[in-house]
C-alpha atoms as a PDB file:
ATOM      1  CA  MET A   1      98.301  16.666  31.277  1.00  0.00           C
ATOM      2  CA  ARG A   2     100.479  19.617  30.243  1.00  0.00           C
ATOM      3  CA  HIS A   3     101.000  18.196  26.746  1.00  0.00           C
ATOM      4  CA  ASN A   4      97.244  18.124  26.143  1.00  0.00           C
ATOM      5  CA  SER A   5      96.715  21.746  27.253  1.00  0.00           C
ATOM      6  CA  VAL A   6      99.559  22.957  24.996  1.00  0.00           C
ATOM      7  CA  ASN A   7      98.002  21.187  22.000  1.00  0.00           C
ATOM      8  CA  SER A   8      94.625  22.676  22.859  1.00  0.00           C
ATOM      9  CA  ALA A   9      96.089  26.191  23.074  1.00  0.00           C
ATOM     10  CA  ARG A  10      97.866  25.734  19.743  1.00  0.00           C
ATOM     11  CA  TRP A  11      94.658  24.476  18.162  1.00  0.00           C
ATOM     12  CA  TRP A  12      92.695  27.542  19.320  1.00  0.00           C
ATOM     13  CA  LEU A  13      95.500  29.870  18.248  1.00  0.00           C
ATOM     14  CA  LEU A  14      95.542  28.273  14.796  1.00  0.00           C
ATOM     15  CA  LEU A  15      91.767  28.641  14.495  1.00  0.00           C
ATOM     16  CA  LEU A  16      91.973  32.280  15.590  1.00  0.00           C
ATOM     17  CA  LEU A  17      94.702  33.066  13.062  1.00  0.00           C
ATOM     18  CA  LEU A  18      92.815  31.320  10.263  1.00  0.00           C
ATOM     19  CA  GLY A  19      89.690  33.289  11.168  1.00  0.00           C
ATOM     20  CA  ILE A  20      91.572  36.588  11.096  1.00  0.00           C
ATOM     21  CA  VAL A  21      93.160  35.756   7.737  1.00  0.00           C
ATOM     22  CA  GLY A  22      89.759  34.758   6.355  1.00  0.00           C
ATOM     23  CA  VAL A  23      88.173  38.042   7.428  1.00  0.00           C
ATOM     24  CA  LEU A  24      91.050  40.088   6.014  1.00  0.00           C
ATOM     25  CA  LEU A  25      90.993  38.280   2.676  1.00  0.00           C
ATOM     26  CA  SER A  26      87.228  38.542   2.242  1.00  0.00           C
ATOM     27  CA  GLY A  27      87.224  42.357   2.533  1.00  0.00           C
ATOM     28  CA  CYS A  28      84.407  44.347   0.981  1.00  0.00           C
ATOM     29  CA  ALA A  29      84.340  42.655  -2.394  1.00  0.00           C
ATOM     30  CA  SER A  30      81.526  43.375  -4.796  1.00  0.00           C
ATOM     31  CA  THR A  31      79.987  41.056  -7.337  1.00  0.00           C
ATOM     32  CA  GLU A  32      79.912  43.882  -9.892  1.00  0.00           C
ATOM     33  CA  PRO A  33      82.986  43.814 -12.158  1.00  0.00           C
ATOM     34  CA  GLU A  34      83.006  47.590 -12.561  1.00  0.00           C
ATOM     35  CA  ASN A  35      80.932  49.963 -10.478  1.00  0.00           C
ATOM     36  CA  ALA A  36      80.888  52.973 -12.810  1.00  0.00           C
ATOM     37  CA  SER A  37      78.127  55.442 -12.037  1.00  0.00           C
ATOM     38  CA  ALA A  38      77.037  58.342 -14.197  1.00  0.00           C
ATOM     39  CA  ARG A  39      78.089  60.858 -11.540  1.00  0.00           C
ATOM     40  CA  PRO A  40      81.066  60.341  -9.241  1.00  0.00           C
ATOM     41  CA  TRP A  41      80.207  60.450  -5.546  1.00  0.00           C
ATOM     42  CA  ASN A  42      82.907  62.987  -4.740  1.00  0.00           C
ATOM     43  CA  GLN A  43      81.787  65.580  -7.309  1.00  0.00           C
ATOM     44  CA  PRO A  44      79.848  68.440  -5.655  1.00  0.00           C
ATOM     45  CA  ARG A  45      76.351  69.288  -6.820  1.00  0.00           C
ATOM     46  CA  GLY A  46      75.474  72.785  -8.019  1.00  0.00           C
ATOM     47  CA  TRP A  47      73.907  73.775  -4.709  1.00  0.00           C
ATOM     48  CA  GLU A  48      76.943  72.605  -2.691  1.00  0.00           C
ATOM     49  CA  THR A  49      79.378  75.308  -3.839  1.00  0.00           C
ATOM     50  CA  GLY A  50      78.758  77.572  -0.840  1.00  0.00           C
ATOM     51  CA  LEU A  51      78.216  80.728  -2.914  1.00  0.00           C
ATOM     52  CA  PRO A  52      74.802  82.382  -3.216  1.00  0.00           C
ATOM     53  CA  PRO A  53      73.255  82.239  -6.713  1.00  0.00           C
ATOM     54  CA  GLY A  54      73.574  86.024  -7.099  1.00  0.00           C
ATOM     55  CA  MET A  55      77.368  85.723  -7.076  1.00  0.00           C
ATOM     56  CA  TYR A  56      77.310  83.979 -10.466  1.00  0.00           C
ATOM     57  CA  GLU A  57      75.290  86.670 -12.256  1.00  0.00           C
ATOM     58  CA  GLY A  58      77.149  89.518 -13.918  1.00  0.00           C
ATOM     59  CA  ARG A  59      76.049  93.116 -13.384  1.00  0.00           C
END
């Protein structure tokens, strides 16, 4: 009886490890070969500088 429970535990452990490896290898892959946009996401827009528009004008 003990031999059967050890094999069952090993089987479930193997399935768990294979599942974890499968999730880690799949990741967040995209089907697009290169995701190049016209504007990078981390570049601030003109209104995101934090300075009022009057600060840019010379007197």
